[in-house]
């Protein structure tokens, strides 16, 4: 909590410094930031709504059984598949991962989900293949291997 207050205070101080140096550029930057926020907000709200509904439908016991620490390879496979085919920005995925952890998901499974989400793109593979050829398969394959190694490491650390 204290760290968050520090970050907000630092952001305010830097905003005031920027405003004192060049009001026009600061206003333009704030407008551009607001536009980005408006573009991201619908997706963010949709994902939060989806996460809320998911956590409402699935109780902690079900989440723990499907992707909990005791779910083992099945949970890793499930989260790896979901992460590989889902297109969710990181700023939305991290809070969702936190909620799943609080609801009983395992650290290894959440690590698998987040890393495959960021590094493996099944949905974007056709476009990536057009641009990079066979290297797209190599990149996705290496991303999958790294995701598995990171998940196993996190599972071992938090076991």
C-alpha atoms as a PDB file:
ATOM      1  CA  UNK A   1       0.000   0.000   0.000  1.00  0.00           C
ATOM      2  CA  UNK A   2       2.764   2.411   0.967  1.00  0.00           C
ATOM      3  CA  UNK A   3       4.683   1.582  -2.199  1.00  0.00           C
ATOM      4  CA  UNK A   4       1.608   2.386  -4.326  1.00  0.00           C
ATOM      5  CA  UNK A   5       1.241   5.741  -2.600  1.00  0.00           C
ATOM      6  CA  UNK A   6       4.913   6.416  -3.319  1.00  0.00           C
ATOM      7  CA  UNK A   7       4.447   5.590  -7.017  1.00  0.00           C
ATOM      8  CA  UNK A   8       1.400   7.846  -7.338  1.00  0.00           C
ATOM      9  CA  UNK A   9       3.207  10.676  -5.548  1.00  0.00           C
ATOM     10  CA  UNK A  10       6.265  10.277  -7.798  1.00  0.00           C
ATOM     11  CA  UNK A  11       4.060  10.297 -10.905  1.00  0.00           C
ATOM     12  CA  UNK A  12       2.346  13.475  -9.695  1.00  0.00           C
ATOM     13  CA  UNK A  13       5.682  15.179  -8.985  1.00  0.00           C
ATOM     14  CA  UNK A  14       7.032  14.299 -12.426  1.00  0.00           C
ATOM     15  CA  UNK A  15       3.790  15.454 -14.042  1.00  0.00           C
ATOM     16  CA  UNK A  16       4.084  18.812 -12.271  1.00  0.00           C
ATOM     17  CA  UNK A  17       7.748  19.117 -13.330  1.00  0.00           C
ATOM     18  CA  UNK A  18       6.791  18.347 -16.917  1.00  0.00           C
ATOM     19  CA  UNK A  19       3.909  20.820 -16.771  1.00  0.00           C
ATOM     20  CA  UNK A  20       6.186  23.561 -15.434  1.00  0.00           C
ATOM     21  CA  UNK A  21       8.703  23.005 -18.247  1.00  0.00           C
ATOM     22  CA  UNK A  22       6.330  22.810 -21.206  1.00  0.00           C
ATOM     23  CA  UNK A  23       2.568  23.048 -20.712  1.00  0.00           C
ATOM     24  CA  UNK A  24       1.760  22.368 -24.370  1.00  0.00           C
ATOM     25  CA  UNK A  25       3.727  19.139 -24.603  1.00  0.00           C
ATOM     26  CA  UNK A  26       2.404  17.950 -21.248  1.00  0.00           C
ATOM     27  CA  UNK A  27      -1.199  18.598 -22.300  1.00  0.00           C
ATOM     28  CA  UNK A  28      -0.574  16.806 -25.611  1.00  0.00           C
ATOM     29  CA  UNK A  29       0.949  13.836 -23.764  1.00  0.00           C
ATOM     30  CA  UNK A  30      -1.988  13.689 -21.343  1.00  0.00           C
ATOM     31  CA  UNK A  31      -4.452  13.785 -24.254  1.00  0.00           C
ATOM     32  CA  UNK A  32      -2.544  11.009 -26.016  1.00  0.00           C
ATOM     33  CA  UNK A  33      -2.478   8.961 -22.799  1.00  0.00           C
ATOM     34  CA  UNK A  34      -6.202   9.480 -22.310  1.00  0.00           C
ATOM     35  CA  UNK A  35      -6.858   8.329 -25.889  1.00  0.00           C
ATOM     36  CA  UNK A  36      -4.831   5.167 -25.242  1.00  0.00           C
ATOM     37  CA  UNK A  37      -6.769   4.598 -22.023  1.00  0.00           C
ATOM     38  CA  UNK A  38     -10.071   4.953 -23.889  1.00  0.00           C
ATOM     39  CA  UNK A  39      -8.920   2.417 -26.490  1.00  0.00           C
ATOM     40  CA  UNK A  40      -7.803  -0.102 -23.860  1.00  0.00           C
ATOM     41  CA  UNK A  41     -10.712   0.313 -21.446  1.00  0.00           C
ATOM     42  CA  UNK A  42     -13.333  -1.793 -23.317  1.00  0.00           C
ATOM     43  CA  UNK A  43     -10.966  -4.759 -23.589  1.00  0.00           C
ATOM     44  CA  UNK A  44      -9.904  -4.380 -19.967  1.00  0.00           C
ATOM     45  CA  UNK A  45     -13.515  -4.252 -18.765  1.00  0.00           C
ATOM     46  CA  UNK A  46     -14.429  -7.267 -20.904  1.00  0.00           C
ATOM     47  CA  UNK A  47     -11.589  -9.334 -19.452  1.00  0.00           C
ATOM     48  CA  UNK A  48     -12.444  -8.247 -15.903  1.00  0.00           C
ATOM     49  CA  UNK A  49     -16.073  -9.192 -16.530  1.00  0.00           C
ATOM     50  CA  UNK A  50     -15.012 -12.526 -18.004  1.00  0.00           C
ATOM     51  CA  UNK A  51     -12.723 -13.206 -15.025  1.00  0.00           C
ATOM     52  CA  UNK A  52     -15.482 -12.258 -12.584  1.00  0.00           C
ATOM     53  CA  UNK A  53     -17.944 -14.593 -14.275  1.00  0.00           C
ATOM     54  CA  UNK A  54     -15.356 -17.372 -14.399  1.00  0.00           C
ATOM     55  CA  UNK A  55     -14.652 -17.000 -10.689  1.00  0.00           C
ATOM     56  CA  UNK A  56     -18.398 -16.929  -9.989  1.00  0.00           C
ATOM     57  CA  UNK A  57     -19.111 -20.102 -11.950  1.00  0.00           C
ATOM     58  CA  UNK A  58     -16.082 -22.019 -10.748  1.00  0.00           C
ATOM     59  CA  UNK A  59     -15.663 -22.358  -7.023  1.00  0.00           C
ATOM     60  CA  UNK A  60     -12.248 -22.573  -5.375  1.00  0.00           C
ATOM     61  CA  UNK A  61     -12.386 -26.360  -5.217  1.00  0.00           C
ATOM     62  CA  UNK A  62     -12.951 -26.626  -8.976  1.00  0.00           C
ATOM     63  CA  UNK A  63     -10.196 -24.134  -9.798  1.00  0.00           C
ATOM     64  CA  UNK A  64      -7.857 -25.961  -7.442  1.00  0.00           C
ATOM     65  CA  UNK A  65      -8.749 -29.298  -9.034  1.00  0.00           C
ATOM     66  CA  UNK A  66      -8.322 -28.037 -12.611  1.00  0.00           C
ATOM     67  CA  UNK A  67      -5.281 -25.777 -12.291  1.00  0.00           C
ATOM     68  CA  UNK A  68      -4.204 -26.049  -8.671  1.00  0.00           C
ATOM     69  CA  UNK A  69      -0.779 -27.107  -7.446  1.00  0.00           C
ATOM     70  CA  UNK A  70      -1.992 -30.715  -7.202  1.00  0.00           C
ATOM     71  CA  UNK A  71      -3.318 -30.780 -10.796  1.00  0.00           C
ATOM     72  CA  UNK A  72       0.193 -31.626 -12.019  1.00  0.00           C
ATOM     73  CA  UNK A  73       0.812 -32.170 -15.706  1.00  0.00           C
ATOM     74  CA  UNK A  74      -2.888 -31.963 -16.542  1.00  0.00           C
ATOM     75  CA  UNK A  75      -3.100 -28.454 -15.073  1.00  0.00           C
ATOM     76  CA  UNK A  76       0.102 -27.423 -16.861  1.00  0.00           C
ATOM     77  CA  UNK A  77      -1.236 -28.758 -20.161  1.00  0.00           C
ATOM     78  CA  UNK A  78      -4.589 -27.017 -19.681  1.00  0.00           C
ATOM     79  CA  UNK A  79      -3.064 -23.643 -18.798  1.00  0.00           C
ATOM     80  CA  UNK A  80      -0.487 -24.023 -21.572  1.00  0.00           C
ATOM     81  CA  UNK A  81      -3.206 -24.587 -24.162  1.00  0.00           C
ATOM     82  CA  UNK A  82      -5.343 -21.724 -22.864  1.00  0.00           C
ATOM     83  CA  UNK A  83      -2.357 -19.369 -22.744  1.00  0.00           C
ATOM     84  CA  UNK A  84      -1.211 -20.358 -26.244  1.00  0.00           C
ATOM     85  CA  UNK A  85      -4.543 -19.677 -27.931  1.00  0.00           C
ATOM     86  CA  UNK A  86      -5.645 -16.626 -25.949  1.00  0.00           C
ATOM     87  CA  UNK A  87      -4.918 -13.042 -26.972  1.00  0.00           C
ATOM     88  CA  UNK A  88      -4.911 -11.035 -23.743  1.00  0.00           C
ATOM     89  CA  UNK A  89      -2.623  -8.079 -23.064  1.00  0.00           C
ATOM     90  CA  UNK A  90      -0.237  -8.412 -20.141  1.00  0.00           C
ATOM     91  CA  UNK A  91      -1.805  -5.577 -18.153  1.00  0.00           C
ATOM     92  CA  UNK A  92      -5.035  -7.584 -18.091  1.00  0.00           C
ATOM     93  CA  UNK A  93      -3.488 -11.028 -17.670  1.00  0.00           C
ATOM     94  CA  UNK A  94      -1.516 -10.238 -14.520  1.00  0.00           C
ATOM     95  CA  UNK A  95      -4.491  -9.156 -12.381  1.00  0.00           C
ATOM     96  CA  UNK A  96      -6.448 -12.122 -13.701  1.00  0.00           C
ATOM     97  CA  UNK A  97      -3.568 -14.439 -12.743  1.00  0.00           C
ATOM     98  CA  UNK A  98      -3.538 -12.906  -9.277  1.00  0.00           C
ATOM     99  CA  UNK A  99      -7.241 -13.595  -8.864  1.00  0.00           C
ATOM    100  CA  UNK A 100      -6.790 -17.185 -10.024  1.00  0.00           C
ATOM    101  CA  UNK A 101      -3.949 -17.642  -7.519  1.00  0.00           C
ATOM    102  CA  UNK A 102      -6.177 -16.336  -4.726  1.00  0.00           C
ATOM    103  CA  UNK A 103      -8.881 -18.749  -5.877  1.00  0.00           C
ATOM    104  CA  UNK A 104      -6.601 -21.783  -5.572  1.00  0.00           C
ATOM    105  CA  UNK A 105      -4.588 -22.022  -8.794  1.00  0.00           C
ATOM    106  CA  UNK A 106      -1.011 -23.271  -8.537  1.00  0.00           C
ATOM    107  CA  UNK A 107       2.062 -21.141  -9.137  1.00  0.00           C
ATOM    108  CA  UNK A 108       3.432 -23.491 -11.787  1.00  0.00           C
ATOM    109  CA  UNK A 109       0.120 -23.494 -13.644  1.00  0.00           C
ATOM    110  CA  UNK A 110      -0.227 -19.711 -13.534  1.00  0.00           C
ATOM    111  CA  UNK A 111       3.400 -19.356 -14.678  1.00  0.00           C
ATOM    112  CA  UNK A 112       2.625 -21.667 -17.601  1.00  0.00           C
ATOM    113  CA  UNK A 113      -0.456 -19.611 -18.446  1.00  0.00           C
ATOM    114  CA  UNK A 114       1.317 -16.234 -18.337  1.00  0.00           C
ATOM    115  CA  UNK A 115       4.455 -17.325 -20.191  1.00  0.00           C
ATOM    116  CA  UNK A 116       2.573 -19.116 -22.971  1.00  0.00           C
ATOM    117  CA  UNK A 117       0.251 -16.128 -23.199  1.00  0.00           C
ATOM    118  CA  UNK A 118       3.225 -13.838 -23.802  1.00  0.00           C
ATOM    119  CA  UNK A 119       5.479 -16.112 -25.864  1.00  0.00           C
ATOM    120  CA  UNK A 120       3.365 -18.628 -27.788  1.00  0.00           C
ATOM    121  CA  UNK A 121       0.857 -17.447 -30.350  1.00  0.00           C
ATOM    122  CA  UNK A 122      -1.242 -20.139 -31.978  1.00  0.00           C
ATOM    123  CA  UNK A 123      -3.799 -17.600 -33.199  1.00  0.00           C
ATOM    124  CA  UNK A 124      -1.150 -15.269 -34.638  1.00  0.00           C
ATOM    125  CA  UNK A 125       0.990 -18.073 -36.116  1.00  0.00           C
ATOM    126  CA  UNK A 126      -0.375 -17.813 -39.695  1.00  0.00           C
ATOM    127  CA  UNK A 127       0.532 -14.126 -39.908  1.00  0.00           C
ATOM    128  CA  UNK A 128       3.839 -14.685 -38.175  1.00  0.00           C
ATOM    129  CA  UNK A 129       4.611 -17.528 -40.586  1.00  0.00           C
ATOM    130  CA  UNK A 130       4.023 -15.229 -43.562  1.00  0.00           C
ATOM    131  CA  UNK A 131       6.473 -12.715 -42.152  1.00  0.00           C
ATOM    132  CA  UNK A 132       9.146 -14.987 -40.687  1.00  0.00           C
ATOM    133  CA  UNK A 133       8.665 -18.349 -42.403  1.00  0.00           C
ATOM    134  CA  UNK A 134       9.851 -21.415 -40.516  1.00  0.00           C
ATOM    135  CA  UNK A 135      11.376 -19.235 -37.801  1.00  0.00           C
ATOM    136  CA  UNK A 136       7.842 -18.615 -36.511  1.00  0.00           C
ATOM    137  CA  UNK A 137       7.569 -22.306 -35.592  1.00  0.00           C
ATOM    138  CA  UNK A 138      11.000 -22.221 -33.971  1.00  0.00           C
ATOM    139  CA  UNK A 139      10.114 -19.127 -31.940  1.00  0.00           C
ATOM    140  CA  UNK A 140       6.821 -20.614 -30.778  1.00  0.00           C
ATOM    141  CA  UNK A 141       8.444 -23.960 -29.982  1.00  0.00           C
ATOM    142  CA  UNK A 142      11.218 -22.331 -27.966  1.00  0.00           C
ATOM    143  CA  UNK A 143       8.613 -20.192 -26.206  1.00  0.00           C
ATOM    144  CA  UNK A 144       6.729 -23.332 -25.265  1.00  0.00           C
ATOM    145  CA  UNK A 145       9.899 -25.009 -23.952  1.00  0.00           C
ATOM    146  CA  UNK A 146      10.813 -21.929 -21.928  1.00  0.00           C
ATOM    147  CA  UNK A 147       7.266 -21.731 -20.566  1.00  0.00           C
ATOM    148  CA  UNK A 148       7.455 -25.310 -19.368  1.00  0.00           C
ATOM    149  CA  UNK A 149      10.887 -24.782 -17.779  1.00  0.00           C
ATOM    150  CA  UNK A 150       9.741 -21.573 -16.054  1.00  0.00           C
ATOM    151  CA  UNK A 151       6.568 -23.291 -14.809  1.00  0.00           C
ATOM    152  CA  UNK A 152       8.512 -26.239 -13.421  1.00  0.00           C
ATOM    153  CA  UNK A 153      10.984 -23.893 -11.741  1.00  0.00           C
ATOM    154  CA  UNK A 154       8.192 -21.853 -10.136  1.00  0.00           C
ATOM    155  CA  UNK A 155       6.417 -25.023  -9.053  1.00  0.00           C
ATOM    156  CA  UNK A 156       9.642 -26.227  -7.432  1.00  0.00           C
ATOM    157  CA  UNK A 157      10.340 -22.858  -5.768  1.00  0.00           C
ATOM    158  CA  UNK A 158       6.830 -22.488  -4.326  1.00  0.00           C
ATOM    159  CA  UNK A 159       6.347 -26.178  -3.450  1.00  0.00           C
END
